[in-house]
Structure formats: structure tokens, C-alpha cells
Amino acid sequence: MNDCIFCKIIAGEIPSKKLYEDEQCLAFYDIEPLAPKHFLVIPKVHFASAAEVTPENSAVIAHIFEVIARLAAQEGLDGFRVVTNCGPIAGQTVPHIHFHVLSGRQLGSFN
């Protein structure tokens, strides 16, 4: 998708502070962190949100969670939160599925 900011980051058209990259996904630090440790993990294949996960693309989501676990260990995170927003009403501002990983401080509960 040629107007997607995350697709442009994947293509190298927009710089990012990369944490990890492989053939399926890219992880980079958030430019407006909400916690001391805040990075994003995105698939290199474009689809808008969790509402578009299908049997054909779900393997990349499983791979992303494997990468998140590996990066959390690598970064020495004692605990972390993984968030994905689905649609504007949920706070999704970039229509390319992505996962926020937050840690480094006590995070509030959803109770």
C-alpha cells in the first residue's frame, strides 16, 4: 500500500530505530513512547487490523508473537504488555496491523 506509513518504513523510505528485522516482520522503537520501553512489531505484508486476520495470514501473527517473546527476553523485560488496536474507535491511527510492546514501569490495569 503506497500511502501506508508502516509500508514506507518497511521499504526504507522513512527511517526508524530498528530493533529487529527478518523476512516476515520488523520491530522498531515508537517515536512517541508511552512507557520507558515501547516498541512496535509489524508484519511486512500489509493488512489493516486484527479484523483482517485469516487462515491465510495468521502464521505471520504467530511469528510476531514469537519475536515479541524473544525481544522481551533480549531487552530484559520482567513483564510487558502487548496491545493492538482495531479500527479508529479503538485508537488505531495507522491502518496496518501492528503490536505495541510496553514495559519498564508499572502499567495500569483494565479492571
C-alpha atoms as a PDB file:
ATOM      1  CA  MET A   1       0.000   0.000   0.000  1.00  0.00           C
ATOM      2  CA  ASN A   2       1.776   3.115  -1.226  1.00  0.00           C
ATOM      3  CA  ASP A   3       0.373   5.645   1.282  1.00  0.00           C
ATOM      4  CA  CYS A   4       0.871   3.489   4.407  1.00  0.00           C
ATOM      5  CA  ILE A   5       3.497   4.917   6.762  1.00  0.00           C
ATOM      6  CA  PHE A   6       4.439   1.442   8.035  1.00  0.00           C
ATOM      7  CA  CYS A   7       4.850   0.131   4.490  1.00  0.00           C
ATOM      8  CA  LYS A   8       7.149   3.105   3.841  1.00  0.00           C
ATOM      9  CA  ILE A   9       9.171   2.242   6.975  1.00  0.00           C
ATOM     10  CA  ILE A  10       9.451  -1.380   5.777  1.00  0.00           C
ATOM     11  CA  ALA A  11      10.612  -0.154   2.348  1.00  0.00           C
ATOM     12  CA  GLY A  12      13.245   2.102   3.959  1.00  0.00           C
ATOM     13  CA  GLU A  13      11.581   5.271   2.662  1.00  0.00           C
ATOM     14  CA  ILE A  14      11.033   6.531   6.217  1.00  0.00           C
ATOM     15  CA  PRO A  15      13.767   5.964   8.821  1.00  0.00           C
ATOM     16  CA  SER A  16      13.128   4.066  12.032  1.00  0.00           C
ATOM     17  CA  LYS A  17      15.167   2.973  15.012  1.00  0.00           C
ATOM     18  CA  LYS A  18      15.143  -0.744  14.223  1.00  0.00           C
ATOM     19  CA  LEU A  19      15.229  -3.296  16.986  1.00  0.00           C
ATOM     20  CA  TYR A  20      14.770  -6.421  14.859  1.00  0.00           C
ATOM     21  CA  GLU A  21      14.043  -7.462  11.290  1.00  0.00           C
ATOM     22  CA  ASP A  22      13.532 -10.717   9.446  1.00  0.00           C
ATOM     23  CA  GLU A  23      11.749 -11.790   6.265  1.00  0.00           C
ATOM     24  CA  GLN A  24       8.289 -11.607   7.906  1.00  0.00           C
ATOM     25  CA  CYS A  25       8.354  -8.690  10.317  1.00  0.00           C
ATOM     26  CA  LEU A  26      10.047  -5.553  11.571  1.00  0.00           C
ATOM     27  CA  ALA A  27      10.372  -4.252  15.131  1.00  0.00           C
ATOM     28  CA  PHE A  28      11.270  -0.656  15.878  1.00  0.00           C
ATOM     29  CA  TYR A  29      11.067   1.807  18.749  1.00  0.00           C
ATOM     30  CA  ASP A  30       7.968   4.006  18.974  1.00  0.00           C
ATOM     31  CA  ILE A  31       8.698   7.676  18.224  1.00  0.00           C
ATOM     32  CA  GLU A  32       6.249   8.755  20.950  1.00  0.00           C
ATOM     33  CA  PRO A  33       6.808   6.156  23.695  1.00  0.00           C
ATOM     34  CA  LEU A  34       4.132   5.646  26.325  1.00  0.00           C
ATOM     35  CA  ALA A  35       6.464   3.677  28.606  1.00  0.00           C
ATOM     36  CA  PRO A  36      10.245   3.548  29.171  1.00  0.00           C
ATOM     37  CA  LYS A  37      10.359   0.552  26.825  1.00  0.00           C
ATOM     38  CA  HIS A  38       7.949   0.885  23.897  1.00  0.00           C
ATOM     39  CA  PHE A  39       8.463  -0.745  20.555  1.00  0.00           C
ATOM     40  CA  LEU A  40       6.247  -1.845  17.684  1.00  0.00           C
ATOM     41  CA  VAL A  41       6.270  -5.105  15.766  1.00  0.00           C
ATOM     42  CA  ILE A  42       4.669  -5.091  12.320  1.00  0.00           C
ATOM     43  CA  PRO A  43       4.284  -7.683   9.588  1.00  0.00           C
ATOM     44  CA  LYS A  44       5.892  -6.902   6.260  1.00  0.00           C
ATOM     45  CA  VAL A  45       2.713  -7.985   4.495  1.00  0.00           C
ATOM     46  CA  HIS A  46       0.076  -5.264   4.618  1.00  0.00           C
ATOM     47  CA  PHE A  47      -3.340  -5.790   6.130  1.00  0.00           C
ATOM     48  CA  ALA A  48      -5.244  -3.245   8.135  1.00  0.00           C
ATOM     49  CA  SER A  49      -6.011  -4.777  11.529  1.00  0.00           C
ATOM     50  CA  ALA A  50      -6.831  -7.829  13.603  1.00  0.00           C
ATOM     51  CA  ALA A  51     -10.237  -7.790  11.915  1.00  0.00           C
ATOM     52  CA  GLU A  52      -8.479  -8.977   8.746  1.00  0.00           C
ATOM     53  CA  VAL A  53      -6.631 -11.971  10.238  1.00  0.00           C
ATOM     54  CA  THR A  54      -7.440 -15.064   8.190  1.00  0.00           C
ATOM     55  CA  PRO A  55      -6.165 -18.637   7.927  1.00  0.00           C
ATOM     56  CA  GLU A  56      -4.013 -17.394   5.037  1.00  0.00           C
ATOM     57  CA  ASN A  57      -2.207 -14.689   7.043  1.00  0.00           C
ATOM     58  CA  SER A  58      -2.410 -15.904  10.643  1.00  0.00           C
ATOM     59  CA  ALA A  59       1.012 -17.598  10.586  1.00  0.00           C
ATOM     60  CA  VAL A  60       2.683 -14.190  10.458  1.00  0.00           C
ATOM     61  CA  ILE A  61       0.810 -13.197  13.637  1.00  0.00           C
ATOM     62  CA  ALA A  62       2.069 -16.314  15.433  1.00  0.00           C
ATOM     63  CA  HIS A  63       5.586 -15.484  14.219  1.00  0.00           C
ATOM     64  CA  ILE A  64       5.253 -11.920  15.537  1.00  0.00           C
ATOM     65  CA  PHE A  65       4.374 -13.223  19.000  1.00  0.00           C
ATOM     66  CA  GLU A  66       7.431 -15.491  18.896  1.00  0.00           C
ATOM     67  CA  VAL A  67       9.527 -12.438  18.012  1.00  0.00           C
ATOM     68  CA  ILE A  68       7.919 -10.409  20.806  1.00  0.00           C
ATOM     69  CA  ALA A  69       8.816 -13.113  23.356  1.00  0.00           C
ATOM     70  CA  ARG A  70      12.408 -13.220  22.070  1.00  0.00           C
ATOM     71  CA  LEU A  71      12.779  -9.424  22.089  1.00  0.00           C
ATOM     72  CA  ALA A  72      11.282  -9.131  25.580  1.00  0.00           C
ATOM     73  CA  ALA A  73      13.884 -11.605  26.866  1.00  0.00           C
ATOM     74  CA  GLN A  74      16.660  -9.863  24.925  1.00  0.00           C
ATOM     75  CA  GLU A  75      15.633  -6.487  26.373  1.00  0.00           C
ATOM     76  CA  GLY A  76      15.430  -7.936  29.909  1.00  0.00           C
ATOM     77  CA  LEU A  77      11.761  -7.113  30.361  1.00  0.00           C
ATOM     78  CA  ASP A  78      10.364  -8.605  33.582  1.00  0.00           C
ATOM     79  CA  GLY A  79       6.844  -8.143  32.295  1.00  0.00           C
ATOM     80  CA  PHE A  80       5.285  -6.422  29.340  1.00  0.00           C
ATOM     81  CA  ARG A  81       2.011  -5.542  27.695  1.00  0.00           C
ATOM     82  CA  VAL A  82       1.157  -6.256  24.057  1.00  0.00           C
ATOM     83  CA  VAL A  83      -1.541  -4.053  22.535  1.00  0.00           C
ATOM     84  CA  THR A  84      -3.106  -3.969  19.104  1.00  0.00           C
ATOM     85  CA  ASN A  85      -5.877  -1.523  18.320  1.00  0.00           C
ATOM     86  CA  CYS A  86      -8.508  -2.467  15.770  1.00  0.00           C
ATOM     87  CA  GLY A  87     -10.116   0.460  13.981  1.00  0.00           C
ATOM     88  CA  PRO A  88     -10.303   4.187  14.711  1.00  0.00           C
ATOM     89  CA  ILE A  89     -12.837   3.817  17.534  1.00  0.00           C
ATOM     90  CA  ALA A  90     -10.284   1.655  19.372  1.00  0.00           C
ATOM     91  CA  GLY A  91      -7.495   4.183  18.803  1.00  0.00           C
ATOM     92  CA  GLN A  92      -5.834   2.690  15.717  1.00  0.00           C
ATOM     93  CA  THR A  93      -4.164   5.575  13.870  1.00  0.00           C
ATOM     94  CA  VAL A  94      -2.202   3.607  11.245  1.00  0.00           C
ATOM     95  CA  PRO A  95      -4.269   1.114   9.222  1.00  0.00           C
ATOM     96  CA  HIS A  96      -1.534  -1.555   9.116  1.00  0.00           C
ATOM     97  CA  ILE A  97      -1.767  -4.207  11.824  1.00  0.00           C
ATOM     98  CA  HIS A  98       0.849  -3.582  14.494  1.00  0.00           C
ATOM     99  CA  PHE A  99       1.613  -4.604  18.028  1.00  0.00           C
ATOM    100  CA  HIS A 100       2.778  -2.199  20.718  1.00  0.00           C
ATOM    101  CA  VAL A 101       5.056  -3.756  23.340  1.00  0.00           C
ATOM    102  CA  LEU A 102       5.237  -1.666  26.520  1.00  0.00           C
ATOM    103  CA  SER A 103       7.279  -2.170  29.674  1.00  0.00           C
ATOM    104  CA  GLY A 104       9.701  -0.505  32.050  1.00  0.00           C
ATOM    105  CA  ARG A 105       7.169   0.783  34.580  1.00  0.00           C
ATOM    106  CA  GLN A 106       4.055  -0.361  36.392  1.00  0.00           C
ATOM    107  CA  LEU A 107       1.212  -0.337  33.867  1.00  0.00           C
ATOM    108  CA  GLY A 108      -2.368   0.316  34.918  1.00  0.00           C
ATOM    109  CA  SER A 109      -4.939  -2.446  34.894  1.00  0.00           C
ATOM    110  CA  PHE A 110      -8.087  -2.599  32.808  1.00  0.00           C
ATOM    111  CA  ASN A 111     -10.330  -3.519  35.750  1.00  0.00           C
END
